[in-house]
Amino acid sequence: MVDWIVSDDLVEYEAAVAAMEARARAIAAGEAEEAIWLLEHPPLYTAGTSAKASDLTDPDRFPVFETRRGGQYTYHGPGQRVIYVMLDVGRRGRDVRAFVKALEGWVIATLAEFNVAGELREGRVGVWVRRPERPRGPAGAVAEDKIAALGIRLHRWVSYHGISINVEPELSHFDGIVPCGIAEHGVTSLVDLGLPVTMADLDAALERSFGACVGGELRRATSL
């Protein structure tokens, strides 16, 4: 069983990380079930293990937290669904690359429920959407914006950290960083794409597609 937990109120980042790490340790010790935790954070920036100081362009805008997940700088804030993924990768084949691919597939399948074609790009982390209405460059290349980010860490083969999907965040808040170190592309959201999607709509789509993409039977839980 995989506990499915949704927090309605904003969750402070440090408290969330402490709870998530404790749950990952408990799963690794065989003392707790796997868990998926869906939440929103107050506005903040996080620096992954590959973050470059030069990519934090407005350090005084929001609190900045160093985190042990992979990746570079990301933004979290209201209107963005954060999905913390505490799953036993050891029992799921011990193939980290395949596990990340499954998480990416989960995001893409979820977006497809809203007729959004999420795509992966070699050398670019996350899930991207094409913006044909906004050509770029002298060759008229189609613009691409990032709609979802992904970064995980493992503790004794149990994953933590996870995914963020932009539903309706304030996109200007991304301006204080170079998101994931990629300056030549933008950031978008479901609402920015013209879709009247709510957080509850996204959560329902995530829940429906989880089993087929990642694997496991979900069980509603009230807390981590």
N, C-alpha and C. Protein backbone atom coordinates (compact mmCIF):
# COMPACT_ATOMS: atom_id res chain seq x y z
N MET A 1 0.84 -1.20 0.00
CA MET A 1 0.00 0.00 0.00
C MET A 1 0.88 1.26 0.00
N VAL A 2 0.37 2.30 -0.64
CA VAL A 2 1.05 3.59 -0.68
C VAL A 2 0.10 4.63 -0.08
N ASP A 3 0.49 5.24 1.02
CA ASP A 3 -0.36 6.28 1.63
C ASP A 3 -0.40 7.50 0.73
N TRP A 4 -1.59 8.02 0.51
CA TRP A 4 -1.84 9.19 -0.34
C TRP A 4 -2.30 10.31 0.57
N ILE A 5 -1.47 11.32 0.74
CA ILE A 5 -1.71 12.36 1.73
C ILE A 5 -1.77 13.71 1.03
N VAL A 6 -2.81 14.49 1.29
CA VAL A 6 -2.98 15.81 0.71
C VAL A 6 -3.08 16.83 1.84
N SER A 7 -2.21 17.81 1.84
CA SER A 7 -2.26 18.90 2.83
C SER A 7 -2.91 20.11 2.19
N ASP A 8 -3.97 20.61 2.83
CA ASP A 8 -4.72 21.74 2.28
C ASP A 8 -4.06 23.08 2.57
N ASP A 9 -3.37 23.20 3.70
CA ASP A 9 -2.74 24.46 4.08
C ASP A 9 -1.29 24.50 3.57
N LEU A 10 -0.75 25.71 3.44
CA LEU A 10 0.65 25.84 3.07
C LEU A 10 1.53 25.20 4.15
N VAL A 11 2.56 24.48 3.72
CA VAL A 11 3.45 23.78 4.64
C VAL A 11 4.83 24.42 4.56
N GLU A 12 5.37 24.83 5.70
CA GLU A 12 6.71 25.42 5.74
C GLU A 12 7.74 24.40 5.25
N TYR A 13 8.71 24.88 4.50
CA TYR A 13 9.63 23.98 3.82
C TYR A 13 10.44 23.12 4.80
N GLU A 14 11.02 23.73 5.81
CA GLU A 14 11.88 22.98 6.72
C GLU A 14 11.09 21.90 7.46
N ALA A 15 9.85 22.21 7.85
CA ALA A 15 9.01 21.22 8.53
C ALA A 15 8.69 20.07 7.59
N ALA A 16 8.43 20.39 6.32
CA ALA A 16 8.11 19.35 5.34
C ALA A 16 9.30 18.43 5.12
N VAL A 17 10.49 19.01 5.00
CA VAL A 17 11.67 18.18 4.77
C VAL A 17 11.93 17.27 5.96
N ALA A 18 11.79 17.79 7.17
CA ALA A 18 12.01 16.97 8.35
C ALA A 18 11.03 15.80 8.40
N ALA A 19 9.76 16.07 8.11
CA ALA A 19 8.75 15.00 8.12
C ALA A 19 9.02 13.99 7.02
N MET A 20 9.39 14.48 5.85
CA MET A 20 9.66 13.59 4.71
C MET A 20 10.86 12.69 4.98
N GLU A 21 11.92 13.26 5.53
CA GLU A 21 13.11 12.46 5.81
C GLU A 21 12.83 11.41 6.89
N ALA A 22 12.02 11.78 7.88
CA ALA A 22 11.67 10.82 8.93
C ALA A 22 10.86 9.67 8.35
N ARG A 23 9.95 9.98 7.44
CA ARG A 23 9.14 8.92 6.82
C ARG A 23 10.01 8.02 5.95
N ALA A 24 10.96 8.60 5.21
CA ALA A 24 11.85 7.79 4.38
C ALA A 24 12.67 6.83 5.25
N ARG A 25 13.16 7.31 6.38
CA ARG A 25 13.91 6.43 7.29
C ARG A 25 13.03 5.31 7.82
N ALA A 26 11.79 5.64 8.14
CA ALA A 26 10.87 4.62 8.65
C ALA A 26 10.55 3.57 7.59
N ILE A 27 10.38 4.01 6.35
CA ILE A 27 10.13 3.06 5.26
C ILE A 27 11.32 2.13 5.09
N ALA A 28 12.53 2.71 5.09
CA ALA A 28 13.74 1.91 4.93
C ALA A 28 13.90 0.89 6.05
N ALA A 29 13.42 1.25 7.24
CA ALA A 29 13.53 0.35 8.39
C ALA A 29 12.38 -0.65 8.45
N GLY A 30 11.46 -0.58 7.51
CA GLY A 30 10.31 -1.48 7.52
C GLY A 30 9.26 -1.12 8.54
N GLU A 31 9.26 0.14 8.99
CA GLU A 31 8.35 0.57 10.04
C GLU A 31 7.17 1.41 9.53
N ALA A 32 7.13 1.67 8.21
CA ALA A 32 6.05 2.49 7.65
C ALA A 32 5.83 2.11 6.20
N GLU A 33 4.63 2.40 5.72
CA GLU A 33 4.31 2.16 4.32
C GLU A 33 4.90 3.27 3.45
N GLU A 34 4.99 3.00 2.15
CA GLU A 34 5.38 4.04 1.21
C GLU A 34 4.35 5.17 1.25
N ALA A 35 4.74 6.34 0.75
CA ALA A 35 3.82 7.49 0.84
C ALA A 35 4.05 8.46 -0.31
N ILE A 36 2.96 9.09 -0.73
CA ILE A 36 2.98 10.22 -1.65
C ILE A 36 2.32 11.38 -0.90
N TRP A 37 3.02 12.51 -0.82
CA TRP A 37 2.52 13.66 -0.06
C TRP A 37 2.37 14.84 -1.01
N LEU A 38 1.15 15.35 -1.15
CA LEU A 38 0.84 16.47 -2.02
C LEU A 38 0.61 17.72 -1.17
N LEU A 39 1.31 18.81 -1.52
CA LEU A 39 1.23 20.01 -0.69
C LEU A 39 1.60 21.24 -1.50
N GLU A 40 1.52 22.40 -0.86
CA GLU A 40 2.02 23.66 -1.40
C GLU A 40 2.89 24.31 -0.34
N HIS A 41 3.90 25.04 -0.78
CA HIS A 41 4.78 25.78 0.11
C HIS A 41 4.53 27.28 0.00
N PRO A 42 4.89 28.05 1.02
CA PRO A 42 4.98 29.51 0.84
C PRO A 42 6.07 29.80 -0.19
N PRO A 43 6.12 31.01 -0.74
CA PRO A 43 7.14 31.31 -1.75
C PRO A 43 8.56 31.14 -1.21
N LEU A 44 9.39 30.39 -1.97
CA LEU A 44 10.77 30.14 -1.55
C LEU A 44 11.56 29.60 -2.73
N TYR A 45 12.87 29.66 -2.59
CA TYR A 45 13.77 29.04 -3.55
C TYR A 45 14.53 27.91 -2.86
N THR A 46 14.80 26.84 -3.60
CA THR A 46 15.64 25.77 -3.08
C THR A 46 16.84 25.58 -3.99
N ALA A 47 17.96 25.26 -3.38
CA ALA A 47 19.20 25.02 -4.11
C ALA A 47 19.55 23.55 -4.01
N GLY A 48 19.54 22.84 -5.15
CA GLY A 48 19.93 21.45 -5.18
C GLY A 48 21.44 21.29 -5.11
N THR A 49 21.88 20.05 -5.17
CA THR A 49 23.30 19.77 -4.97
C THR A 49 24.17 20.29 -6.11
N SER A 50 23.56 20.63 -7.26
CA SER A 50 24.33 21.15 -8.40
C SER A 50 24.12 22.64 -8.62
N ALA A 51 23.50 23.32 -7.66
CA ALA A 51 23.16 24.74 -7.83
C ALA A 51 24.40 25.61 -7.95
N LYS A 52 24.33 26.59 -8.87
CA LYS A 52 25.41 27.56 -9.05
C LYS A 52 24.97 28.90 -8.46
N ALA A 53 25.85 29.52 -7.70
CA ALA A 53 25.52 30.77 -7.03
C ALA A 53 25.04 31.83 -8.01
N SER A 54 25.60 31.83 -9.21
CA SER A 54 25.23 32.84 -10.20
C SER A 54 23.80 32.70 -10.70
N ASP A 55 23.19 31.54 -10.47
CA ASP A 55 21.81 31.31 -10.93
C ASP A 55 20.78 31.83 -9.94
N LEU A 56 21.23 32.31 -8.78
CA LEU A 56 20.33 32.97 -7.83
C LEU A 56 20.44 34.47 -8.10
N THR A 57 19.58 34.98 -8.95
CA THR A 57 19.73 36.35 -9.44
C THR A 57 19.10 37.39 -8.52
N ASP A 58 18.22 36.97 -7.62
CA ASP A 58 17.58 37.91 -6.68
C ASP A 58 17.53 37.25 -5.30
N PRO A 59 18.68 37.17 -4.61
CA PRO A 59 18.77 36.39 -3.37
C PRO A 59 17.94 36.93 -2.22
N ASP A 60 17.51 38.17 -2.30
CA ASP A 60 16.75 38.76 -1.19
C ASP A 60 15.24 38.68 -1.40
N ARG A 61 14.82 38.09 -2.48
CA ARG A 61 13.39 38.11 -2.82
C ARG A 61 12.57 37.18 -1.92
N PHE A 62 13.04 35.92 -1.81
CA PHE A 62 12.36 34.92 -0.98
C PHE A 62 13.40 34.15 -0.17
N PRO A 63 12.99 33.46 0.88
CA PRO A 63 13.94 32.60 1.60
C PRO A 63 14.56 31.57 0.66
N VAL A 64 15.83 31.26 0.89
CA VAL A 64 16.55 30.29 0.08
C VAL A 64 16.98 29.14 0.98
N PHE A 65 16.67 27.92 0.56
CA PHE A 65 17.00 26.74 1.35
C PHE A 65 17.90 25.82 0.54
N GLU A 66 19.01 25.41 1.15
CA GLU A 66 19.84 24.39 0.54
C GLU A 66 19.19 23.04 0.81
N THR A 67 19.16 22.21 -0.23
CA THR A 67 18.49 20.92 -0.11
C THR A 67 19.38 19.83 -0.67
N ARG A 68 19.19 18.62 -0.20
CA ARG A 68 20.04 17.52 -0.61
C ARG A 68 19.52 16.76 -1.83
N ARG A 69 18.45 17.27 -2.44
CA ARG A 69 17.99 16.62 -3.68
C ARG A 69 18.95 16.98 -4.82
N GLY A 70 18.87 16.21 -5.90
CA GLY A 70 19.65 16.54 -7.08
C GLY A 70 19.09 17.77 -7.77
N GLY A 71 19.88 18.34 -8.67
CA GLY A 71 19.40 19.47 -9.46
C GLY A 71 19.96 20.80 -9.00
N GLN A 72 19.39 21.87 -9.54
CA GLN A 72 19.89 23.21 -9.29
C GLN A 72 18.84 24.04 -8.54
N TYR A 73 18.63 25.31 -8.93
CA TYR A 73 17.66 26.13 -8.22
C TYR A 73 16.25 25.88 -8.72
N THR A 74 15.31 25.82 -7.79
CA THR A 74 13.89 25.75 -8.15
C THR A 74 13.12 26.72 -7.27
N TYR A 75 11.93 27.04 -7.75
CA TYR A 75 11.00 27.87 -6.97
C TYR A 75 9.84 27.01 -6.53
N HIS A 76 9.37 27.22 -5.30
CA HIS A 76 8.11 26.63 -4.82
C HIS A 76 7.25 27.75 -4.26
N GLY A 77 5.95 27.62 -4.46
CA GLY A 77 5.05 28.63 -3.92
C GLY A 77 3.60 28.25 -4.15
N PRO A 78 2.68 29.06 -3.64
CA PRO A 78 1.25 28.79 -3.81
C PRO A 78 0.88 28.66 -5.28
N GLY A 79 -0.01 27.74 -5.57
CA GLY A 79 -0.42 27.49 -6.94
C GLY A 79 0.43 26.46 -7.65
N GLN A 80 1.45 25.97 -6.97
CA GLN A 80 2.29 24.90 -7.53
C GLN A 80 2.09 23.66 -6.67
N ARG A 81 1.74 22.55 -7.33
CA ARG A 81 1.59 21.30 -6.58
C ARG A 81 2.95 20.64 -6.42
N VAL A 82 3.36 20.48 -5.18
CA VAL A 82 4.58 19.76 -4.85
C VAL A 82 4.19 18.35 -4.45
N ILE A 83 4.88 17.38 -5.01
CA ILE A 83 4.55 15.97 -4.78
C ILE A 83 5.79 15.29 -4.23
N TYR A 84 5.81 15.05 -2.93
CA TYR A 84 6.94 14.37 -2.32
C TYR A 84 6.71 12.87 -2.41
N VAL A 85 7.71 12.18 -2.96
CA VAL A 85 7.58 10.78 -3.35
C VAL A 85 8.49 9.94 -2.47
N MET A 86 7.89 9.23 -1.53
CA MET A 86 8.63 8.38 -0.61
C MET A 86 8.32 6.92 -0.94
N LEU A 87 9.09 6.36 -1.86
CA LEU A 87 8.85 5.03 -2.38
C LEU A 87 10.10 4.17 -2.27
N ASP A 88 9.89 2.88 -2.10
CA ASP A 88 11.00 1.94 -1.93
C ASP A 88 11.51 1.51 -3.31
N VAL A 89 12.55 2.20 -3.75
CA VAL A 89 13.14 1.89 -5.06
C VAL A 89 13.82 0.53 -5.02
N GLY A 90 14.27 0.10 -3.85
CA GLY A 90 14.87 -1.22 -3.72
C GLY A 90 13.91 -2.33 -4.09
N ARG A 91 12.67 -2.20 -3.65
CA ARG A 91 11.65 -3.21 -3.98
C ARG A 91 11.12 -3.03 -5.39
N ARG A 92 11.46 -1.92 -6.02
CA ARG A 92 10.96 -1.63 -7.36
C ARG A 92 12.04 -1.84 -8.42
N GLY A 93 13.04 -2.68 -8.09
CA GLY A 93 14.03 -3.06 -9.09
C GLY A 93 15.40 -2.47 -8.93
N ARG A 94 15.59 -1.55 -8.00
CA ARG A 94 16.90 -0.93 -7.76
C ARG A 94 17.49 -0.29 -9.04
N ASP A 95 16.62 0.27 -9.86
CA ASP A 95 17.06 0.92 -11.09
C ASP A 95 16.62 2.38 -11.00
N VAL A 96 17.54 3.25 -10.59
CA VAL A 96 17.17 4.65 -10.36
C VAL A 96 16.75 5.32 -11.66
N ARG A 97 17.43 5.02 -12.74
CA ARG A 97 17.09 5.63 -14.02
C ARG A 97 15.67 5.25 -14.44
N ALA A 98 15.32 3.97 -14.27
CA ALA A 98 13.97 3.52 -14.62
C ALA A 98 12.93 4.15 -13.69
N PHE A 99 13.30 4.34 -12.42
CA PHE A 99 12.38 4.95 -11.47
C PHE A 99 12.10 6.40 -11.85
N VAL A 100 13.14 7.15 -12.19
CA VAL A 100 12.95 8.54 -12.61
C VAL A 100 12.11 8.59 -13.88
N LYS A 101 12.35 7.67 -14.80
CA LYS A 101 11.57 7.61 -16.03
C LYS A 101 10.09 7.37 -15.72
N ALA A 102 9.82 6.51 -14.73
CA ALA A 102 8.43 6.25 -14.33
C ALA A 102 7.78 7.51 -13.76
N LEU A 103 8.52 8.28 -12.96
CA LEU A 103 7.98 9.52 -12.42
C LEU A 103 7.71 10.52 -13.54
N GLU A 104 8.61 10.62 -14.49
CA GLU A 104 8.39 11.50 -15.64
C GLU A 104 7.16 11.06 -16.42
N GLY A 105 7.02 9.75 -16.60
CA GLY A 105 5.85 9.23 -17.29
C GLY A 105 4.56 9.52 -16.56
N TRP A 106 4.63 9.52 -15.23
CA TRP A 106 3.46 9.86 -14.41
C TRP A 106 3.02 11.29 -14.66
N VAL A 107 3.98 12.20 -14.69
CA VAL A 107 3.65 13.60 -14.97
C VAL A 107 3.05 13.75 -16.36
N ILE A 108 3.67 13.11 -17.35
CA ILE A 108 3.20 13.23 -18.73
C ILE A 108 1.79 12.67 -18.88
N ALA A 109 1.52 11.52 -18.24
CA ALA A 109 0.19 10.92 -18.31
C ALA A 109 -0.84 11.81 -17.63
N THR A 110 -0.45 12.45 -16.54
CA THR A 110 -1.36 13.35 -15.83
C THR A 110 -1.70 14.56 -16.68
N LEU A 111 -0.68 15.17 -17.27
CA LEU A 111 -0.91 16.33 -18.12
C LEU A 111 -1.79 15.97 -19.32
N ALA A 112 -1.64 14.76 -19.83
CA ALA A 112 -2.42 14.33 -20.99
C ALA A 112 -3.91 14.34 -20.70
N GLU A 113 -4.29 14.18 -19.45
CA GLU A 113 -5.72 14.22 -19.10
C GLU A 113 -6.31 15.60 -19.36
N PHE A 114 -5.46 16.62 -19.46
CA PHE A 114 -5.91 17.99 -19.75
C PHE A 114 -5.53 18.40 -21.19
N ASN A 115 -5.22 17.37 -21.99
CA ASN A 115 -4.83 17.59 -23.40
C ASN A 115 -3.58 18.44 -23.52
N VAL A 116 -2.68 18.30 -22.55
CA VAL A 116 -1.38 18.96 -22.59
C VAL A 116 -0.33 17.91 -22.93
N ALA A 117 0.44 18.16 -23.98
CA ALA A 117 1.47 17.22 -24.40
C ALA A 117 2.79 17.54 -23.71
N GLY A 118 3.03 16.90 -22.59
CA GLY A 118 4.30 17.07 -21.90
C GLY A 118 5.38 16.26 -22.59
N GLU A 119 6.58 16.83 -22.70
CA GLU A 119 7.67 16.17 -23.41
C GLU A 119 8.96 16.26 -22.60
N LEU A 120 9.85 15.31 -22.86
CA LEU A 120 11.17 15.30 -22.25
C LEU A 120 12.20 15.80 -23.25
N ARG A 121 13.29 16.37 -22.75
CA ARG A 121 14.34 16.86 -23.62
C ARG A 121 15.70 16.37 -23.10
N GLU A 122 16.51 15.86 -24.00
CA GLU A 122 17.85 15.40 -23.65
C GLU A 122 18.64 16.57 -23.06
N GLY A 123 19.24 16.35 -21.90
CA GLY A 123 20.05 17.38 -21.27
C GLY A 123 19.28 18.42 -20.50
N ARG A 124 17.94 18.32 -20.47
CA ARG A 124 17.11 19.26 -19.72
C ARG A 124 16.21 18.48 -18.77
N VAL A 125 16.34 18.72 -17.49
CA VAL A 125 15.54 18.01 -16.50
C VAL A 125 14.11 18.56 -16.51
N GLY A 126 13.15 17.70 -16.24
CA GLY A 126 11.77 18.14 -16.10
C GLY A 126 10.92 17.80 -17.31
N VAL A 127 9.70 18.35 -17.30
CA VAL A 127 8.74 18.11 -18.37
C VAL A 127 8.43 19.45 -19.04
N TRP A 128 8.39 19.44 -20.37
CA TRP A 128 8.31 20.65 -21.17
C TRP A 128 7.09 20.63 -22.07
N VAL A 129 6.60 21.83 -22.43
CA VAL A 129 5.51 21.95 -23.39
C VAL A 129 5.93 22.93 -24.48
N ARG A 130 5.51 22.64 -25.69
CA ARG A 130 5.81 23.52 -26.82
C ARG A 130 4.83 24.69 -26.81
N ARG A 131 5.34 25.86 -27.23
CA ARG A 131 4.51 27.07 -27.33
C ARG A 131 4.54 27.59 -28.76
N PRO A 132 3.84 26.93 -29.67
CA PRO A 132 3.92 27.32 -31.09
C PRO A 132 3.41 28.72 -31.37
N GLU A 133 2.62 29.28 -30.43
CA GLU A 133 2.11 30.64 -30.63
C GLU A 133 3.18 31.69 -30.37
N ARG A 134 4.37 31.25 -29.90
CA ARG A 134 5.41 32.19 -29.53
C ARG A 134 6.75 31.77 -30.15
N PRO A 135 6.96 32.03 -31.45
CA PRO A 135 8.22 31.62 -32.09
C PRO A 135 9.41 32.35 -31.50
N ARG A 136 10.55 31.69 -31.52
CA ARG A 136 11.77 32.27 -30.98
C ARG A 136 12.86 32.25 -32.05
N GLY A 137 13.70 33.26 -32.03
CA GLY A 137 14.92 33.26 -32.83
C GLY A 137 14.70 33.53 -34.30
N PRO A 138 15.77 33.79 -35.01
CA PRO A 138 15.68 34.14 -36.43
C PRO A 138 15.15 33.00 -37.28
N ALA A 139 15.33 31.76 -36.83
CA ALA A 139 14.85 30.61 -37.60
C ALA A 139 13.40 30.30 -37.29
N GLY A 140 12.80 31.06 -36.37
CA GLY A 140 11.40 30.82 -36.02
C GLY A 140 11.18 29.54 -35.24
N ALA A 141 12.19 29.13 -34.47
CA ALA A 141 12.05 27.91 -33.68
C ALA A 141 10.91 28.04 -32.68
N VAL A 142 10.24 26.94 -32.43
CA VAL A 142 9.11 26.95 -31.50
C VAL A 142 9.63 27.06 -30.06
N ALA A 143 9.05 27.97 -29.30
CA ALA A 143 9.44 28.12 -27.90
C ALA A 143 8.98 26.92 -27.09
N GLU A 144 9.72 26.64 -26.03
CA GLU A 144 9.36 25.57 -25.11
C GLU A 144 9.46 26.09 -23.68
N ASP A 145 8.46 25.78 -22.89
CA ASP A 145 8.43 26.21 -21.49
C ASP A 145 8.37 25.00 -20.58
N LYS A 146 8.93 25.16 -19.41
CA LYS A 146 8.92 24.09 -18.42
C LYS A 146 7.64 24.17 -17.59
N ILE A 147 6.98 23.03 -17.42
CA ILE A 147 5.75 23.00 -16.63
C ILE A 147 5.91 22.16 -15.37
N ALA A 148 6.92 21.31 -15.33
CA ALA A 148 7.13 20.45 -14.15
C ALA A 148 8.61 20.21 -13.94
N ALA A 149 9.01 20.18 -12.67
CA ALA A 149 10.40 19.91 -12.29
C ALA A 149 10.46 18.61 -11.50
N LEU A 150 11.64 18.00 -11.50
CA LEU A 150 11.80 16.72 -10.79
C LEU A 150 13.20 16.65 -10.19
N GLY A 151 13.27 16.22 -8.94
CA GLY A 151 14.56 16.01 -8.28
C GLY A 151 14.36 15.12 -7.07
N ILE A 152 15.10 14.02 -7.01
CA ILE A 152 14.93 13.09 -5.90
C ILE A 152 16.28 12.81 -5.23
N ARG A 153 16.18 12.23 -4.06
CA ARG A 153 17.34 11.72 -3.34
C ARG A 153 16.95 10.36 -2.77
N LEU A 154 17.92 9.53 -2.48
CA LEU A 154 17.64 8.20 -1.92
C LEU A 154 18.27 8.05 -0.55
N HIS A 155 17.54 7.40 0.34
CA HIS A 155 18.07 6.97 1.64
C HIS A 155 17.84 5.47 1.73
N ARG A 156 18.93 4.71 1.66
CA ARG A 156 18.85 3.24 1.70
C ARG A 156 17.79 2.74 0.72
N TRP A 157 17.85 3.27 -0.48
CA TRP A 157 16.97 2.89 -1.60
C TRP A 157 15.54 3.38 -1.45
N VAL A 158 15.27 4.26 -0.52
CA VAL A 158 13.95 4.88 -0.42
C VAL A 158 14.07 6.31 -0.93
N SER A 159 13.19 6.67 -1.86
CA SER A 159 13.24 8.01 -2.46
C SER A 159 12.59 9.04 -1.55
N TYR A 160 13.04 10.27 -1.67
CA TYR A 160 12.33 11.41 -1.10
C TYR A 160 12.63 12.64 -1.94
N HIS A 161 12.02 13.78 -1.59
CA HIS A 161 11.84 14.92 -2.50
C HIS A 161 10.96 14.42 -3.65
N GLY A 162 11.01 15.01 -4.84
CA GLY A 162 10.12 14.50 -5.86
C GLY A 162 9.83 15.45 -7.01
N ILE A 163 8.58 15.88 -7.14
CA ILE A 163 8.08 16.54 -8.35
C ILE A 163 7.37 17.83 -7.97
N SER A 164 7.41 18.82 -8.86
CA SER A 164 6.53 19.98 -8.74
C SER A 164 5.89 20.24 -10.10
N ILE A 165 4.58 20.52 -10.08
CA ILE A 165 3.83 20.80 -11.30
C ILE A 165 3.16 22.16 -11.13
N ASN A 166 3.33 23.03 -12.11
CA ASN A 166 2.77 24.37 -12.04
C ASN A 166 1.30 24.37 -12.46
N VAL A 167 0.43 24.65 -11.51
CA VAL A 167 -1.00 24.77 -11.80
C VAL A 167 -1.34 26.24 -12.05
N GLU A 168 -1.14 27.08 -11.02
CA GLU A 168 -1.38 28.52 -11.19
C GLU A 168 -0.50 29.32 -10.24
N PRO A 169 0.82 29.10 -10.28
CA PRO A 169 1.69 29.93 -9.44
C PRO A 169 1.88 31.31 -10.08
N GLU A 170 2.40 32.25 -9.32
CA GLU A 170 2.78 33.54 -9.86
C GLU A 170 4.09 33.33 -10.63
N LEU A 171 4.00 33.32 -11.96
CA LEU A 171 5.17 32.96 -12.77
C LEU A 171 6.30 33.96 -12.64
N SER A 172 6.00 35.21 -12.29
CA SER A 172 7.08 36.19 -12.13
C SER A 172 8.00 35.83 -10.96
N HIS A 173 7.53 34.97 -10.06
CA HIS A 173 8.37 34.57 -8.92
C HIS A 173 9.57 33.73 -9.37
N PHE A 174 9.48 33.15 -10.56
CA PHE A 174 10.61 32.39 -11.08
C PHE A 174 11.74 33.30 -11.54
N ASP A 175 11.47 34.61 -11.64
CA ASP A 175 12.46 35.53 -12.19
C ASP A 175 13.68 35.71 -11.29
N GLY A 176 13.57 35.33 -10.03
CA GLY A 176 14.69 35.51 -9.11
C GLY A 176 15.75 34.44 -9.20
N ILE A 177 15.54 33.44 -10.07
CA ILE A 177 16.51 32.37 -10.27
C ILE A 177 16.60 32.06 -11.76
N VAL A 178 17.61 31.29 -12.11
CA VAL A 178 17.63 30.63 -13.41
C VAL A 178 17.12 29.22 -13.15
N PRO A 179 15.85 28.94 -13.46
CA PRO A 179 15.26 27.66 -13.05
C PRO A 179 16.03 26.47 -13.61
N CYS A 180 16.53 25.64 -12.72
CA CYS A 180 17.27 24.43 -13.09
C CYS A 180 18.46 24.74 -13.99
N GLY A 181 18.96 25.98 -13.92
CA GLY A 181 20.14 26.36 -14.67
C GLY A 181 19.92 26.56 -16.16
N ILE A 182 18.65 26.66 -16.58
CA ILE A 182 18.33 26.78 -18.00
C ILE A 182 17.77 28.17 -18.26
N ALA A 183 18.58 29.03 -18.87
CA ALA A 183 18.19 30.43 -19.05
C ALA A 183 17.46 30.68 -20.36
N GLU A 184 17.63 29.79 -21.34
CA GLU A 184 17.11 30.08 -22.68
C GLU A 184 15.67 29.64 -22.91
N HIS A 185 15.02 29.10 -21.86
CA HIS A 185 13.63 28.69 -21.98
C HIS A 185 12.83 29.26 -20.82
N GLY A 186 11.52 29.31 -21.00
CA GLY A 186 10.66 29.90 -19.99
C GLY A 186 9.98 28.87 -19.10
N VAL A 187 9.06 29.37 -18.29
CA VAL A 187 8.28 28.55 -17.37
C VAL A 187 6.81 28.83 -17.63
N THR A 188 5.99 27.80 -17.55
CA THR A 188 4.56 27.97 -17.77
C THR A 188 3.78 27.21 -16.71
N SER A 189 2.46 27.28 -16.81
CA SER A 189 1.57 26.57 -15.89
C SER A 189 0.34 26.15 -16.67
N LEU A 190 -0.47 25.31 -16.06
CA LEU A 190 -1.71 24.87 -16.71
C LEU A 190 -2.63 26.06 -16.99
N VAL A 191 -2.74 26.95 -16.03
CA VAL A 191 -3.60 28.12 -16.22
C VAL A 191 -2.99 29.06 -17.25
N ASP A 192 -1.68 29.21 -17.25
CA ASP A 192 -1.01 30.05 -18.25
C ASP A 192 -1.26 29.51 -19.67
N LEU A 193 -1.45 28.22 -19.79
CA LEU A 193 -1.76 27.61 -21.08
C LEU A 193 -3.23 27.79 -21.47
N GLY A 194 -4.00 28.47 -20.61
CA GLY A 194 -5.40 28.73 -20.91
C GLY A 194 -6.36 27.68 -20.42
N LEU A 195 -5.90 26.84 -19.49
CA LEU A 195 -6.74 25.75 -19.00
C LEU A 195 -7.25 26.06 -17.59
N PRO A 196 -8.56 26.00 -17.36
CA PRO A 196 -9.11 26.32 -16.03
C PRO A 196 -9.00 25.13 -15.08
N VAL A 197 -7.76 24.70 -14.83
CA VAL A 197 -7.50 23.52 -14.00
C VAL A 197 -7.28 23.96 -12.55
N THR A 198 -7.94 23.29 -11.63
CA THR A 198 -7.74 23.57 -10.20
C THR A 198 -6.75 22.57 -9.62
N MET A 199 -6.30 22.85 -8.41
CA MET A 199 -5.40 21.92 -7.73
C MET A 199 -6.10 20.58 -7.51
N ALA A 200 -7.39 20.60 -7.18
CA ALA A 200 -8.13 19.36 -6.98
C ALA A 200 -8.22 18.57 -8.28
N ASP A 201 -8.38 19.26 -9.41
CA ASP A 201 -8.41 18.58 -10.71
C ASP A 201 -7.09 17.84 -10.95
N LEU A 202 -5.98 18.53 -10.69
CA LEU A 202 -4.68 17.91 -10.89
C LEU A 202 -4.48 16.72 -9.96
N ASP A 203 -4.86 16.88 -8.70
CA ASP A 203 -4.70 15.79 -7.74
C ASP A 203 -5.46 14.54 -8.19
N ALA A 204 -6.68 14.74 -8.69
CA ALA A 204 -7.47 13.61 -9.14
C ALA A 204 -6.82 12.90 -10.32
N ALA A 205 -6.26 13.69 -11.24
CA ALA A 205 -5.57 13.10 -12.40
C ALA A 205 -4.31 12.36 -11.96
N LEU A 206 -3.56 12.93 -11.03
CA LEU A 206 -2.38 12.25 -10.50
C LEU A 206 -2.76 10.92 -9.85
N GLU A 207 -3.83 10.92 -9.10
CA GLU A 207 -4.27 9.71 -8.42
C GLU A 207 -4.69 8.63 -9.42
N ARG A 208 -5.40 9.04 -10.46
CA ARG A 208 -5.86 8.07 -11.46
C ARG A 208 -4.70 7.42 -12.22
N SER A 209 -3.66 8.18 -12.49
CA SER A 209 -2.58 7.66 -13.34
C SER A 209 -1.43 7.03 -12.56
N PHE A 210 -1.46 7.11 -11.25
CA PHE A 210 -0.32 6.65 -10.45
C PHE A 210 -0.04 5.16 -10.64
N GLY A 211 -1.04 4.34 -10.47
CA GLY A 211 -0.83 2.89 -10.50
C GLY A 211 -0.23 2.40 -11.80
N ALA A 212 -0.76 2.88 -12.92
CA ALA A 212 -0.28 2.42 -14.23
C ALA A 212 1.13 2.91 -14.51
N CYS A 213 1.49 4.08 -14.00
CA CYS A 213 2.80 4.67 -14.32
C CYS A 213 3.90 4.30 -13.33
N VAL A 214 3.56 4.30 -12.06
CA VAL A 214 4.58 4.09 -11.02
C VAL A 214 4.41 2.75 -10.34
N GLY A 215 3.16 2.37 -10.09
CA GLY A 215 2.89 1.08 -9.49
C GLY A 215 2.61 1.16 -8.01
N GLY A 216 1.54 0.49 -7.58
CA GLY A 216 1.19 0.48 -6.18
C GLY A 216 -0.27 0.83 -5.98
N GLU A 217 -0.83 0.32 -4.92
CA GLU A 217 -2.23 0.60 -4.58
C GLU A 217 -2.28 1.74 -3.57
N LEU A 218 -3.03 2.78 -3.91
CA LEU A 218 -3.10 3.97 -3.06
C LEU A 218 -4.11 3.79 -1.95
N ARG A 219 -3.77 4.38 -0.80
CA ARG A 219 -4.67 4.37 0.36
C ARG A 219 -4.70 5.78 0.93
N ARG A 220 -5.88 6.36 1.04
CA ARG A 220 -5.99 7.72 1.58
C ARG A 220 -5.54 7.73 3.03
N ALA A 221 -4.73 8.74 3.38
CA ALA A 221 -4.25 8.94 4.75
C ALA A 221 -4.37 10.41 5.07
N THR A 222 -4.44 10.73 6.34
CA THR A 222 -4.66 12.12 6.75
C THR A 222 -3.38 12.85 7.11
N SER A 223 -2.32 12.13 7.38
CA SER A 223 -1.06 12.79 7.75
C SER A 223 0.11 11.89 7.42
N LEU A 224 1.28 12.53 7.34
CA LEU A 224 2.50 11.79 7.05
C LEU A 224 2.98 11.04 8.29
